[in-house]
Amino acid sequence: MVIVLIYAFLRSFLKTNNRKLALGVLLFACLIEVLQKLNYVAWFGLENNKLMCTLMGTYFSVYDLLAYFVGYLICLYFKD
């Protein structure tokens, strides 16, 4: 759902190619997921801050990547 929500939010403000926007949102989400694998919360010294850990995410999951891709496909399907 997060991909669809971010896509819809950005689409309401940006005049751009919908396919490129959907791909950009997918790549952004995948980047965040990879950063979670690299424990990027610790880079900022926030590993003990429960709120920031929840907001930034702390656990990598391949299933999240799959869900992001499904969200991307939904964005492409409902592009207009």
PDB file of N, CA and C in Angstrom:
ATOM      1  N   MET A   1       0.809  -1.194   0.000  1.00  0.00           N
ATOM      2  CA  MET A   1       0.000   0.000   0.000  1.00  0.00           C
ATOM      3  C   MET A   1       0.857   1.266   0.000  1.00  0.00           C
ATOM      4  N   VAL A   2       2.023   1.195   0.610  1.00  0.00           N
ATOM      5  CA  VAL A   2       2.835   2.408   0.733  1.00  0.00           C
ATOM      6  C   VAL A   2       3.247   2.943  -0.639  1.00  0.00           C
ATOM      7  N   ILE A   3       3.520   2.072  -1.570  1.00  0.00           N
ATOM      8  CA  ILE A   3       3.907   2.508  -2.909  1.00  0.00           C
ATOM      9  C   ILE A   3       2.757   3.254  -3.565  1.00  0.00           C
ATOM     10  N   VAL A   4       1.569   2.702  -3.480  1.00  0.00           N
ATOM     11  CA  VAL A   4       0.396   3.319  -4.091  1.00  0.00           C
ATOM     12  C   VAL A   4       0.116   4.673  -3.441  1.00  0.00           C
ATOM     13  N   LEU A   5       0.233   4.750  -2.130  1.00  0.00           N
ATOM     14  CA  LEU A   5      -0.032   6.012  -1.430  1.00  0.00           C
ATOM     15  C   LEU A   5       0.995   7.087  -1.769  1.00  0.00           C
ATOM     16  N   ILE A   6       2.261   6.732  -1.792  1.00  0.00           N
ATOM     17  CA  ILE A   6       3.304   7.707  -2.151  1.00  0.00           C
ATOM     18  C   ILE A   6       3.131   8.146  -3.596  1.00  0.00           C
ATOM     19  N   TYR A   7       2.848   7.191  -4.471  1.00  0.00           N
ATOM     20  CA  TYR A   7       2.626   7.498  -5.886  1.00  0.00           C
ATOM     21  C   TYR A   7       1.455   8.467  -6.043  1.00  0.00           C
ATOM     22  N   ALA A   8       0.334   8.181  -5.395  1.00  0.00           N
ATOM     23  CA  ALA A   8      -0.850   9.037  -5.516  1.00  0.00           C
ATOM     24  C   ALA A   8      -0.574  10.431  -4.953  1.00  0.00           C
ATOM     25  N   PHE A   9       0.135  10.491  -3.850  1.00  0.00           N
ATOM     26  CA  PHE A   9       0.472  11.789  -3.254  1.00  0.00           C
ATOM     27  C   PHE A   9       1.333  12.611  -4.209  1.00  0.00           C
ATOM     28  N   LEU A  10       2.394  12.009  -4.732  1.00  0.00           N
ATOM     29  CA  LEU A  10       3.289  12.732  -5.636  1.00  0.00           C
ATOM     30  C   LEU A  10       2.599  13.096  -6.945  1.00  0.00           C
ATOM     31  N   ARG A  11       1.753  12.203  -7.426  1.00  0.00           N
ATOM     32  CA  ARG A  11       1.058  12.464  -8.682  1.00  0.00           C
ATOM     33  C   ARG A  11       0.112  13.655  -8.576  1.00  0.00           C
ATOM     34  N   SER A  12      -0.396  13.900  -7.370  1.00  0.00           N
ATOM     35  CA  SER A  12      -1.306  15.035  -7.203  1.00  0.00           C
ATOM     36  C   SER A  12      -0.564  16.369  -7.302  1.00  0.00           C
ATOM     37  N   PHE A  13       0.757  16.362  -7.134  1.00  0.00           N
ATOM     38  CA  PHE A  13       1.544  17.588  -7.188  1.00  0.00           C
ATOM     39  C   PHE A  13       2.412  17.718  -8.437  1.00  0.00           C
ATOM     40  N   LEU A  14       2.806  16.600  -9.015  1.00  0.00           N
ATOM     41  CA  LEU A  14       3.769  16.612 -10.115  1.00  0.00           C
ATOM     42  C   LEU A  14       3.109  16.301 -11.449  1.00  0.00           C
ATOM     43  N   LYS A  15       3.518  17.039 -12.449  1.00  0.00           N
ATOM     44  CA  LYS A  15       3.108  16.735 -13.826  1.00  0.00           C
ATOM     45  C   LYS A  15       4.291  16.016 -14.469  1.00  0.00           C
ATOM     46  N   THR A  16       4.203  14.712 -14.544  1.00  0.00           N
ATOM     47  CA  THR A  16       5.292  13.921 -15.083  1.00  0.00           C
ATOM     48  C   THR A  16       4.730  12.649 -15.706  1.00  0.00           C
ATOM     49  N   ASN A  17       5.582  11.921 -16.362  1.00  0.00           N
ATOM     50  CA  ASN A  17       5.216  10.634 -16.926  1.00  0.00           C
ATOM     51  C   ASN A  17       4.858   9.689 -15.781  1.00  0.00           C
ATOM     52  N   ASN A  18       3.656   9.114 -15.827  1.00  0.00           N
ATOM     53  CA  ASN A  18       3.190   8.266 -14.730  1.00  0.00           C
ATOM     54  C   ASN A  18       4.039   7.015 -14.550  1.00  0.00           C
ATOM     55  N   ARG A  19       4.516   6.452 -15.649  1.00  0.00           N
ATOM     56  CA  ARG A  19       5.371   5.263 -15.544  1.00  0.00           C
ATOM     57  C   ARG A  19       6.695   5.590 -14.860  1.00  0.00           C
ATOM     58  N   LYS A  20       7.263   6.734 -15.202  1.00  0.00           N
ATOM     59  CA  LYS A  20       8.525   7.137 -14.576  1.00  0.00           C
ATOM     60  C   LYS A  20       8.325   7.435 -13.093  1.00  0.00           C
ATOM     61  N   LEU A  21       7.212   8.064 -12.762  1.00  0.00           N
ATOM     62  CA  LEU A  21       6.925   8.360 -11.361  1.00  0.00           C
ATOM     63  C   LEU A  21       6.764   7.069 -10.562  1.00  0.00           C
ATOM     64  N   ALA A  22       6.013   6.120 -11.112  1.00  0.00           N
ATOM     65  CA  ALA A  22       5.820   4.833 -10.430  1.00  0.00           C
ATOM     66  C   ALA A  22       7.152   4.114 -10.247  1.00  0.00           C
ATOM     67  N   LEU A  23       7.990   4.139 -11.275  1.00  0.00           N
ATOM     68  CA  LEU A  23       9.303   3.499 -11.180  1.00  0.00           C
ATOM     69  C   LEU A  23      10.171   4.212 -10.146  1.00  0.00           C
ATOM     70  N   GLY A  24      10.121   5.527 -10.119  1.00  0.00           N
ATOM     71  CA  GLY A  24      10.891   6.285  -9.129  1.00  0.00           C
ATOM     72  C   GLY A  24      10.478   5.961  -7.702  1.00  0.00           C
ATOM     73  N   VAL A  25       9.185   5.844  -7.483  1.00  0.00           N
ATOM     74  CA  VAL A  25       8.690   5.496  -6.149  1.00  0.00           C
ATOM     75  C   VAL A  25       9.136   4.086  -5.779  1.00  0.00           C
ATOM     76  N   LEU A  26       9.065   3.166  -6.732  1.00  0.00           N
ATOM     77  CA  LEU A  26       9.522   1.794  -6.480  1.00  0.00           C
ATOM     78  C   LEU A  26      11.005   1.776  -6.129  1.00  0.00           C
ATOM     79  N   LEU A  27      11.814   2.481  -6.889  1.00  0.00           N
ATOM     80  CA  LEU A  27      13.260   2.512  -6.616  1.00  0.00           C
ATOM     81  C   LEU A  27      13.557   3.143  -5.261  1.00  0.00           C
ATOM     82  N   PHE A  28      12.824   4.199  -4.916  1.00  0.00           N
ATOM     83  CA  PHE A  28      13.000   4.828  -3.602  1.00  0.00           C
ATOM     84  C   PHE A  28      12.685   3.833  -2.484  1.00  0.00           C
ATOM     85  N   ALA A  29      11.576   3.117  -2.609  1.00  0.00           N
ATOM     86  CA  ALA A  29      11.192   2.149  -1.579  1.00  0.00           C
ATOM     87  C   ALA A  29      12.214   1.020  -1.470  1.00  0.00           C
ATOM     88  N   CYS A  30      12.711   0.558  -2.614  1.00  0.00           N
ATOM     89  CA  CYS A  30      13.728  -0.498  -2.598  1.00  0.00           C
ATOM     90  C   CYS A  30      15.026  -0.003  -1.969  1.00  0.00           C
ATOM     91  N   LEU A  31      15.379   1.243  -2.229  1.00  0.00           N
ATOM     92  CA  LEU A  31      16.572   1.827  -1.621  1.00  0.00           C
ATOM     93  C   LEU A  31      16.441   1.859  -0.100  1.00  0.00           C
ATOM     94  N   ILE A  32      15.290   2.275   0.387  1.00  0.00           N
ATOM     95  CA  ILE A  32      15.061   2.310   1.835  1.00  0.00           C
ATOM     96  C   ILE A  32      15.159   0.905   2.414  1.00  0.00           C
ATOM     97  N   GLU A  33      14.612  -0.070   1.709  1.00  0.00           N
ATOM     98  CA  GLU A  33      14.668  -1.453   2.197  1.00  0.00           C
ATOM     99  C   GLU A  33      16.116  -1.953   2.252  1.00  0.00           C
ATOM    100  N   VAL A  34      16.913  -1.629   1.253  1.00  0.00           N
ATOM    101  CA  VAL A  34      18.330  -2.032   1.251  1.00  0.00           C
ATOM    102  C   VAL A  34      19.066  -1.317   2.391  1.00  0.00           C
ATOM    103  N   LEU A  35      18.745  -0.052   2.611  1.00  0.00           N
ATOM    104  CA  LEU A  35      19.365   0.667   3.731  1.00  0.00           C
ATOM    105  C   LEU A  35      19.003   0.025   5.067  1.00  0.00           C
ATOM    106  N   GLN A  36      17.795  -0.511   5.169  1.00  0.00           N
ATOM    107  CA  GLN A  36      17.416  -1.221   6.390  1.00  0.00           C
ATOM    108  C   GLN A  36      18.301  -2.447   6.584  1.00  0.00           C
ATOM    109  N   LYS A  37      18.618  -3.133   5.497  1.00  0.00           N
ATOM    110  CA  LYS A  37      19.516  -4.295   5.568  1.00  0.00           C
ATOM    111  C   LYS A  37      20.901  -3.878   6.072  1.00  0.00           C
ATOM    112  N   LEU A  38      21.310  -2.661   5.702  1.00  0.00           N
ATOM    113  CA  LEU A  38      22.619  -2.147   6.118  1.00  0.00           C
ATOM    114  C   LEU A  38      22.579  -1.474   7.485  1.00  0.00           C
ATOM    115  N   ASN A  39      21.418  -1.534   8.151  1.00  0.00           N
ATOM    116  CA  ASN A  39      21.238  -0.976   9.500  1.00  0.00           C
ATOM    117  C   ASN A  39      21.534   0.521   9.543  1.00  0.00           C
ATOM    118  N   TYR A  40      20.916   1.252   8.627  1.00  0.00           N
ATOM    119  CA  TYR A  40      21.190   2.680   8.515  1.00  0.00           C
ATOM    120  C   TYR A  40      20.712   3.497   9.704  1.00  0.00           C
ATOM    121  N   VAL A  41      19.809   2.967  10.505  1.00  0.00           N
ATOM    122  CA  VAL A  41      19.360   3.687  11.698  1.00  0.00           C
ATOM    123  C   VAL A  41      20.539   3.888  12.651  1.00  0.00           C
ATOM    124  N   ALA A  42      21.430   2.915  12.710  1.00  0.00           N
ATOM    125  CA  ALA A  42      22.604   3.015  13.578  1.00  0.00           C
ATOM    126  C   ALA A  42      23.575   4.084  13.087  1.00  0.00           C
ATOM    127  N   TRP A  43      23.570   4.369  11.787  1.00  0.00           N
ATOM    128  CA  TRP A  43      24.450   5.410  11.252  1.00  0.00           C
ATOM    129  C   TRP A  43      24.148   6.757  11.894  1.00  0.00           C
ATOM    130  N   PHE A  44      22.875   6.963  12.228  1.00  0.00           N
ATOM    131  CA  PHE A  44      22.456   8.226  12.834  1.00  0.00           C
ATOM    132  C   PHE A  44      22.418   8.155  14.352  1.00  0.00           C
ATOM    133  N   GLY A  45      22.789   7.005  14.919  1.00  0.00           N
ATOM    134  CA  GLY A  45      22.793   6.839  16.365  1.00  0.00           C
ATOM    135  C   GLY A  45      21.397   6.782  16.957  1.00  0.00           C
ATOM    136  N   LEU A  46      20.439   6.297  16.193  1.00  0.00           N
ATOM    137  CA  LEU A  46      19.049   6.289  16.642  1.00  0.00           C
ATOM    138  C   LEU A  46      18.531   4.889  16.977  1.00  0.00           C
ATOM    139  N   GLU A  47      19.424   3.928  17.082  1.00  0.00           N
ATOM    140  CA  GLU A  47      18.985   2.552  17.298  1.00  0.00           C
ATOM    141  C   GLU A  47      18.250   2.339  18.622  1.00  0.00           C
ATOM    142  N   ASN A  48      18.399   3.252  19.583  1.00  0.00           N
ATOM    143  CA  ASN A  48      17.706   3.134  20.864  1.00  0.00           C
ATOM    144  C   ASN A  48      16.440   3.980  20.935  1.00  0.00           C
ATOM    145  N   ASN A  49      16.146   4.703  19.883  1.00  0.00           N
ATOM    146  CA  ASN A  49      14.959   5.552  19.826  1.00  0.00           C
ATOM    147  C   ASN A  49      13.840   4.772  19.119  1.00  0.00           C
ATOM    148  N   LYS A  50      12.868   4.304  19.907  1.00  0.00           N
ATOM    149  CA  LYS A  50      11.821   3.439  19.355  1.00  0.00           C
ATOM    150  C   LYS A  50      10.987   4.143  18.286  1.00  0.00           C
ATOM    151  N   LEU A  51      10.676   5.406  18.484  1.00  0.00           N
ATOM    152  CA  LEU A  51       9.871   6.138  17.512  1.00  0.00           C
ATOM    153  C   LEU A  51      10.600   6.240  16.171  1.00  0.00           C
ATOM    154  N   MET A  52      11.857   6.638  16.199  1.00  0.00           N
ATOM    155  CA  MET A  52      12.620   6.776  14.955  1.00  0.00           C
ATOM    156  C   MET A  52      12.852   5.417  14.290  1.00  0.00           C
ATOM    157  N   CYS A  53      13.057   4.390  15.084  1.00  0.00           N
ATOM    158  CA  CYS A  53      13.220   3.042  14.511  1.00  0.00           C
ATOM    159  C   CYS A  53      11.947   2.609  13.801  1.00  0.00           C
ATOM    160  N   THR A  54      10.803   2.958  14.358  1.00  0.00           N
ATOM    161  CA  THR A  54       9.535   2.621  13.722  1.00  0.00           C
ATOM    162  C   THR A  54       9.343   3.425  12.446  1.00  0.00           C
ATOM    163  N   LEU A  55       9.625   4.711  12.492  1.00  0.00           N
ATOM    164  CA  LEU A  55       9.439   5.569  11.329  1.00  0.00           C
ATOM    165  C   LEU A  55      10.400   5.235  10.196  1.00  0.00           C
ATOM    166  N   MET A  56      11.641   4.962  10.529  1.00  0.00           N
ATOM    167  CA  MET A  56      12.662   4.726   9.514  1.00  0.00           C
ATOM    168  C   MET A  56      12.723   3.267   9.068  1.00  0.00           C
ATOM    169  N   GLY A  57      12.244   2.378   9.898  1.00  0.00           N
ATOM    170  CA  GLY A  57      12.292   0.955   9.587  1.00  0.00           C
ATOM    171  C   GLY A  57      13.629   0.367   9.966  1.00  0.00           C
ATOM    172  N   THR A  58      13.598  -0.833  10.495  1.00  0.00           N
ATOM    173  CA  THR A  58      14.841  -1.447  10.959  1.00  0.00           C
ATOM    174  C   THR A  58      15.036  -2.874  10.472  1.00  0.00           C
ATOM    175  N   TYR A  59      14.044  -3.463   9.838  1.00  0.00           N
ATOM    176  CA  TYR A  59      14.150  -4.861   9.446  1.00  0.00           C
ATOM    177  C   TYR A  59      13.985  -5.028   7.944  1.00  0.00           C
ATOM    178  N   PHE A  60      14.950  -5.666   7.334  1.00  0.00           N
ATOM    179  CA  PHE A  60      14.906  -5.973   5.910  1.00  0.00           C
ATOM    180  C   PHE A  60      14.030  -7.201   5.692  1.00  0.00           C
ATOM    181  N   SER A  61      13.235  -7.162   4.624  1.00  0.00           N
ATOM    182  CA  SER A  61      12.426  -8.320   4.269  1.00  0.00           C
ATOM    183  C   SER A  61      12.279  -8.398   2.750  1.00  0.00           C
ATOM    184  N   VAL A  62      12.554  -9.561   2.219  1.00  0.00           N
ATOM    185  CA  VAL A  62      12.367  -9.787   0.795  1.00  0.00           C
ATOM    186  C   VAL A  62      10.883  -9.662   0.454  1.00  0.00           C
ATOM    187  N   TYR A  63      10.027 -10.025   1.396  1.00  0.00           N
ATOM    188  CA  TYR A  63       8.589  -9.924   1.172  1.00  0.00           C
ATOM    189  C   TYR A  63       8.148  -8.474   1.019  1.00  0.00           C
ATOM    190  N   ASP A  64       8.824  -7.572   1.683  1.00  0.00           N
ATOM    191  CA  ASP A  64       8.531  -6.143   1.496  1.00  0.00           C
ATOM    192  C   ASP A  64       8.855  -5.727   0.064  1.00  0.00           C
ATOM    193  N   LEU A  65       9.973  -6.201  -0.453  1.00  0.00           N
ATOM    194  CA  LEU A  65      10.342  -5.882  -1.835  1.00  0.00           C
ATOM    195  C   LEU A  65       9.287  -6.417  -2.807  1.00  0.00           C
ATOM    196  N   LEU A  66       8.802  -7.602  -2.538  1.00  0.00           N
ATOM    197  CA  LEU A  66       7.749  -8.184  -3.370  1.00  0.00           C
ATOM    198  C   LEU A  66       6.471  -7.343  -3.284  1.00  0.00           C
ATOM    199  N   ALA A  67       6.120  -6.916  -2.089  1.00  0.00           N
ATOM    200  CA  ALA A  67       4.929  -6.082  -1.901  1.00  0.00           C
ATOM    201  C   ALA A  67       5.095  -4.744  -2.613  1.00  0.00           C
ATOM    202  N   TYR A  68       6.289  -4.175  -2.582  1.00  0.00           N
ATOM    203  CA  TYR A  68       6.543  -2.922  -3.286  1.00  0.00           C
ATOM    204  C   TYR A  68       6.341  -3.110  -4.794  1.00  0.00           C
ATOM    205  N   PHE A  69       6.806  -4.235  -5.311  1.00  0.00           N
ATOM    206  CA  PHE A  69       6.655  -4.496  -6.738  1.00  0.00           C
ATOM    207  C   PHE A  69       5.177  -4.649  -7.118  1.00  0.00           C
ATOM    208  N   VAL A  70       4.414  -5.317  -6.267  1.00  0.00           N
ATOM    209  CA  VAL A  70       2.981  -5.454  -6.525  1.00  0.00           C
ATOM    210  C   VAL A  70       2.318  -4.072  -6.499  1.00  0.00           C
ATOM    211  N   GLY A  71       2.724  -3.222  -5.561  1.00  0.00           N
ATOM    212  CA  GLY A  71       2.209  -1.858  -5.521  1.00  0.00           C
ATOM    213  C   GLY A  71       2.555  -1.093  -6.780  1.00  0.00           C
ATOM    214  N   TYR A  72       3.746  -1.298  -7.279  1.00  0.00           N
ATOM    215  CA  TYR A  72       4.183  -0.675  -8.528  1.00  0.00           C
ATOM    216  C   TYR A  72       3.287  -1.118  -9.683  1.00  0.00           C
ATOM    217  N   LEU A  73       2.993  -2.402  -9.748  1.00  0.00           N
ATOM    218  CA  LEU A  73       2.115  -2.915 -10.799  1.00  0.00           C
ATOM    219  C   LEU A  73       0.713  -2.323 -10.686  1.00  0.00           C
ATOM    220  N   ILE A  74       0.234  -2.143  -9.477  1.00  0.00           N
ATOM    221  CA  ILE A  74      -1.073  -1.525  -9.265  1.00  0.00           C
ATOM    222  C   ILE A  74      -1.054  -0.087  -9.783  1.00  0.00           C
ATOM    223  N   CYS A  75       0.016   0.635  -9.507  1.00  0.00           N
ATOM    224  CA  CYS A  75       0.146   2.012 -10.003  1.00  0.00           C
ATOM    225  C   CYS A  75       0.110   2.045 -11.528  1.00  0.00           C
ATOM    226  N   LEU A  76       0.778   1.109 -12.161  1.00  0.00           N
ATOM    227  CA  LEU A  76       0.771   1.047 -13.622  1.00  0.00           C
ATOM    228  C   LEU A  76      -0.608   0.708 -14.175  1.00  0.00           C
ATOM    229  N   TYR A  77      -1.316  -0.163 -13.479  1.00  0.00           N
ATOM    230  CA  TYR A  77      -2.636  -0.587 -13.936  1.00  0.00           C
ATOM    231  C   TYR A  77      -3.650   0.564 -13.875  1.00  0.00           C
ATOM    232  N   PHE A  78      -3.587   1.357 -12.810  1.00  0.00           N
ATOM    233  CA  PHE A  78      -4.514   2.467 -12.612  1.00  0.00           C
ATOM    234  C   PHE A  78      -3.882   3.802 -12.948  1.00  0.00           C
ATOM    235  N   LYS A  79      -3.087   3.851 -13.990  1.00  0.00           N
ATOM    236  CA  LYS A  79      -2.310   5.053 -14.301  1.00  0.00           C
ATOM    237  C   LYS A  79      -3.149   6.259 -14.671  1.00  0.00           C
ATOM    238  N   ASP A  80      -4.347   6.095 -15.185  1.00  0.00           N
ATOM    239  CA  ASP A  80      -5.153   7.240 -15.603  1.00  0.00           C
ATOM    240  C   ASP A  80      -6.396   7.393 -14.764  1.00  0.00           C
TER     241      ASP A  80
END
